[in-house]
Amino acid sequence: LTLTDQAYTNDLFYFCHIHNSMSGRIKQMTTGEASVLQEKDEPELGYSYEILSRFDDRCGTARLGSYAGNEAVCGAGKFT
């Protein structure tokens, strides 16, 4: 991604219209260096990122951990 407006230094966002809370923050970097233009997270996202359960993190799912039970396994791979 190349930005041509060098005056804009705030973060950029991406989001999905289909999946609720599927979004992320894009930090701008300086040209040719590995340094962030702005350390502070501005503008604010408007909500907190959800913390996944151990099951969801391991299996690539979201909000299924509470239904998985104590013996739940997701198999050899992750769900997509």
N, C-alpha and C. Protein backbone atom coordinates (compact mmCIF):
# COMPACT_ATOMS: atom_id res chain seq x y z
N LEU A 1 0.85 -1.17 0.00
CA LEU A 1 0.00 0.00 0.00
C LEU A 1 0.89 1.23 0.00
N THR A 2 0.70 2.11 -0.94
CA THR A 2 1.46 3.35 -1.01
C THR A 2 0.52 4.53 -0.80
N LEU A 3 0.82 5.35 0.18
CA LEU A 3 0.01 6.54 0.44
C LEU A 3 0.69 7.74 -0.18
N THR A 4 -0.07 8.54 -0.88
CA THR A 4 0.50 9.71 -1.53
C THR A 4 0.29 11.00 -0.73
N ASP A 5 -0.62 10.98 0.24
CA ASP A 5 -0.86 12.14 1.09
C ASP A 5 0.09 12.06 2.28
N GLN A 6 1.21 12.73 2.20
CA GLN A 6 2.22 12.66 3.26
C GLN A 6 1.86 13.49 4.48
N ALA A 7 0.83 14.32 4.38
CA ALA A 7 0.39 15.13 5.52
C ALA A 7 -0.43 14.31 6.51
N TYR A 8 -1.04 13.22 6.04
CA TYR A 8 -1.87 12.37 6.92
C TYR A 8 -0.97 11.36 7.62
N THR A 9 -0.88 11.45 8.94
CA THR A 9 -0.02 10.55 9.70
C THR A 9 -0.78 9.63 10.65
N ASN A 10 -2.10 9.79 10.73
CA ASN A 10 -2.89 8.92 11.61
C ASN A 10 -2.94 7.51 11.05
N ASP A 11 -3.45 6.59 11.86
CA ASP A 11 -3.58 5.20 11.44
C ASP A 11 -4.71 5.05 10.43
N LEU A 12 -4.65 3.96 9.69
CA LEU A 12 -5.71 3.58 8.76
C LEU A 12 -6.38 2.33 9.30
N PHE A 13 -7.58 2.04 8.81
CA PHE A 13 -8.32 0.87 9.27
C PHE A 13 -8.83 0.06 8.10
N TYR A 14 -8.99 -1.21 8.33
CA TYR A 14 -9.72 -2.05 7.40
C TYR A 14 -10.81 -2.74 8.19
N PHE A 15 -11.92 -3.06 7.54
CA PHE A 15 -13.01 -3.75 8.23
C PHE A 15 -13.82 -4.54 7.22
N CYS A 16 -14.58 -5.49 7.74
CA CYS A 16 -15.40 -6.36 6.93
C CYS A 16 -16.87 -6.02 7.15
N HIS A 17 -17.61 -5.82 6.08
CA HIS A 17 -19.03 -5.51 6.18
C HIS A 17 -19.85 -6.74 6.56
N ILE A 18 -19.30 -7.93 6.40
CA ILE A 18 -20.03 -9.16 6.64
C ILE A 18 -19.80 -9.70 8.05
N HIS A 19 -18.55 -9.64 8.54
CA HIS A 19 -18.20 -10.21 9.84
C HIS A 19 -18.05 -9.11 10.89
N ASN A 20 -18.89 -9.16 11.91
CA ASN A 20 -18.87 -8.18 12.97
C ASN A 20 -17.52 -8.17 13.68
N SER A 21 -16.98 -7.01 13.91
CA SER A 21 -15.73 -6.78 14.62
C SER A 21 -14.50 -7.33 13.91
N MET A 22 -14.60 -7.63 12.64
CA MET A 22 -13.43 -8.09 11.89
C MET A 22 -12.77 -6.86 11.27
N SER A 23 -11.82 -6.31 12.01
CA SER A 23 -11.18 -5.09 11.58
C SER A 23 -9.76 -5.04 12.11
N GLY A 24 -9.02 -4.07 11.68
CA GLY A 24 -7.66 -3.93 12.17
C GLY A 24 -7.12 -2.55 11.91
N ARG A 25 -6.03 -2.27 12.57
CA ARG A 25 -5.36 -0.98 12.48
C ARG A 25 -4.12 -1.13 11.63
N ILE A 26 -3.90 -0.19 10.74
CA ILE A 26 -2.69 -0.16 9.91
C ILE A 26 -1.85 1.02 10.36
N LYS A 27 -0.64 0.74 10.82
CA LYS A 27 0.30 1.78 11.23
C LYS A 27 1.14 2.18 10.03
N GLN A 28 1.32 3.47 9.82
CA GLN A 28 2.16 3.95 8.74
C GLN A 28 3.63 3.93 9.17
N MET A 29 4.48 3.58 8.23
CA MET A 29 5.92 3.51 8.49
C MET A 29 6.63 4.61 7.70
N THR A 30 7.80 4.99 8.16
CA THR A 30 8.59 5.96 7.41
C THR A 30 9.15 5.29 6.16
N THR A 31 9.38 6.04 5.13
CA THR A 31 9.91 5.50 3.88
C THR A 31 11.34 5.04 4.07
N GLY A 32 11.61 3.78 3.69
CA GLY A 32 12.96 3.24 3.74
C GLY A 32 13.47 2.88 5.11
N GLU A 33 12.67 3.06 6.14
CA GLU A 33 13.09 2.72 7.50
C GLU A 33 12.02 1.85 8.16
N ALA A 34 12.39 1.25 9.24
CA ALA A 34 11.43 0.42 9.97
C ALA A 34 10.96 1.14 11.23
N SER A 35 10.48 2.37 11.08
CA SER A 35 9.97 3.09 12.24
C SER A 35 8.55 3.58 11.95
N VAL A 36 7.73 3.53 12.98
CA VAL A 36 6.33 3.92 12.87
C VAL A 36 6.22 5.44 12.91
N LEU A 37 5.38 6.01 12.04
CA LEU A 37 5.19 7.46 12.03
C LEU A 37 4.56 7.96 13.32
N GLN A 38 3.61 7.20 13.87
CA GLN A 38 2.89 7.62 15.06
C GLN A 38 2.70 6.42 15.98
N GLU A 39 3.30 6.46 17.15
CA GLU A 39 3.18 5.35 18.10
C GLU A 39 1.77 5.27 18.71
N LYS A 40 1.17 6.42 18.98
CA LYS A 40 -0.14 6.46 19.61
C LYS A 40 -1.19 5.90 18.65
N ASP A 41 -2.17 5.17 19.19
CA ASP A 41 -3.25 4.61 18.37
C ASP A 41 -4.33 5.66 18.15
N GLU A 42 -4.18 6.42 17.06
CA GLU A 42 -5.14 7.46 16.71
C GLU A 42 -5.55 7.30 15.26
N PRO A 43 -6.82 7.48 14.95
CA PRO A 43 -7.93 7.66 15.88
C PRO A 43 -8.26 6.36 16.60
N GLU A 44 -9.05 6.48 17.66
CA GLU A 44 -9.45 5.29 18.42
C GLU A 44 -10.34 4.40 17.56
N LEU A 45 -10.27 3.11 17.81
CA LEU A 45 -11.03 2.14 17.03
C LEU A 45 -12.52 2.21 17.35
N GLY A 46 -12.88 2.50 18.58
CA GLY A 46 -14.28 2.60 18.95
C GLY A 46 -14.79 1.40 19.73
N TYR A 47 -13.98 0.34 19.80
CA TYR A 47 -14.30 -0.82 20.62
C TYR A 47 -13.01 -1.57 20.91
N SER A 48 -13.06 -2.45 21.90
CA SER A 48 -11.88 -3.23 22.27
C SER A 48 -11.85 -4.51 21.46
N TYR A 49 -10.64 -4.96 21.16
CA TYR A 49 -10.51 -6.25 20.49
C TYR A 49 -10.94 -7.36 21.44
N GLU A 50 -11.61 -8.35 20.91
CA GLU A 50 -12.05 -9.49 21.70
C GLU A 50 -10.87 -10.38 22.04
N ILE A 51 -10.81 -10.84 23.28
CA ILE A 51 -9.77 -11.77 23.70
C ILE A 51 -10.31 -13.18 23.49
N LEU A 52 -9.63 -13.96 22.67
CA LEU A 52 -10.10 -15.30 22.34
C LEU A 52 -9.85 -16.28 23.47
N SER A 53 -10.72 -17.27 23.58
CA SER A 53 -10.49 -18.35 24.53
C SER A 53 -9.33 -19.21 24.02
N ARG A 54 -8.80 -20.07 24.87
CA ARG A 54 -7.70 -20.94 24.46
C ARG A 54 -8.14 -21.84 23.30
N PHE A 55 -9.36 -22.36 23.37
CA PHE A 55 -9.89 -23.20 22.30
C PHE A 55 -9.95 -22.43 20.98
N ASP A 56 -10.55 -21.25 21.01
CA ASP A 56 -10.68 -20.45 19.79
C ASP A 56 -9.32 -20.07 19.21
N ASP A 57 -8.39 -19.72 20.07
CA ASP A 57 -7.06 -19.36 19.60
C ASP A 57 -6.36 -20.54 18.94
N ARG A 58 -6.49 -21.70 19.53
CA ARG A 58 -5.84 -22.91 19.01
C ARG A 58 -6.53 -23.41 17.74
N CYS A 59 -7.85 -23.26 17.66
CA CYS A 59 -8.60 -23.84 16.55
C CYS A 59 -8.93 -22.86 15.43
N GLY A 60 -8.64 -21.58 15.61
CA GLY A 60 -8.94 -20.61 14.57
C GLY A 60 -10.41 -20.26 14.48
N THR A 61 -11.12 -20.39 15.59
CA THR A 61 -12.54 -20.08 15.63
C THR A 61 -12.78 -18.82 16.45
N ALA A 62 -14.00 -18.40 16.58
CA ALA A 62 -14.35 -17.25 17.41
C ALA A 62 -15.64 -17.54 18.16
N ARG A 63 -15.59 -17.32 19.44
CA ARG A 63 -16.74 -17.47 20.35
C ARG A 63 -17.31 -18.89 20.41
N LEU A 64 -16.48 -19.90 20.16
CA LEU A 64 -16.94 -21.28 20.29
C LEU A 64 -16.40 -21.97 21.53
N GLY A 65 -15.43 -21.39 22.17
CA GLY A 65 -14.79 -21.99 23.34
C GLY A 65 -15.75 -22.34 24.46
N SER A 66 -16.74 -21.50 24.70
CA SER A 66 -17.69 -21.77 25.79
C SER A 66 -18.60 -22.96 25.49
N TYR A 67 -18.70 -23.35 24.22
CA TYR A 67 -19.52 -24.51 23.84
C TYR A 67 -18.68 -25.78 23.68
N ALA A 68 -17.38 -25.65 23.74
CA ALA A 68 -16.50 -26.77 23.43
C ALA A 68 -16.42 -27.81 24.54
N GLY A 69 -16.60 -27.40 25.78
CA GLY A 69 -16.51 -28.35 26.89
C GLY A 69 -15.07 -28.66 27.25
N ASN A 70 -14.88 -29.45 28.29
CA ASN A 70 -13.54 -29.75 28.81
C ASN A 70 -12.73 -30.67 27.89
N GLU A 71 -13.36 -31.52 27.14
CA GLU A 71 -12.67 -32.51 26.31
C GLU A 71 -12.61 -32.09 24.85
N ALA A 72 -12.92 -30.84 24.55
CA ALA A 72 -13.02 -30.40 23.17
C ALA A 72 -11.66 -30.36 22.49
N VAL A 73 -11.63 -30.85 21.29
CA VAL A 73 -10.46 -30.75 20.44
C VAL A 73 -10.91 -30.29 19.06
N CYS A 74 -10.03 -29.63 18.36
CA CYS A 74 -10.40 -29.15 17.03
C CYS A 74 -9.79 -29.98 15.94
N GLY A 75 -9.09 -31.03 16.27
CA GLY A 75 -8.50 -31.89 15.24
C GLY A 75 -7.10 -31.45 14.88
N ALA A 76 -6.61 -31.95 13.77
CA ALA A 76 -5.25 -31.68 13.36
C ALA A 76 -5.04 -30.29 12.79
N GLY A 77 -6.09 -29.69 12.24
CA GLY A 77 -5.93 -28.39 11.60
C GLY A 77 -6.79 -27.34 12.25
N LYS A 78 -6.77 -26.17 11.65
CA LYS A 78 -7.60 -25.08 12.12
C LYS A 78 -8.78 -24.90 11.21
N PHE A 79 -9.88 -24.41 11.76
CA PHE A 79 -11.04 -24.07 10.95
C PHE A 79 -10.74 -22.76 10.23
N THR A 80 -11.36 -22.55 9.11
CA THR A 80 -11.17 -21.26 8.41
C THR A 80 -12.45 -20.49 8.40
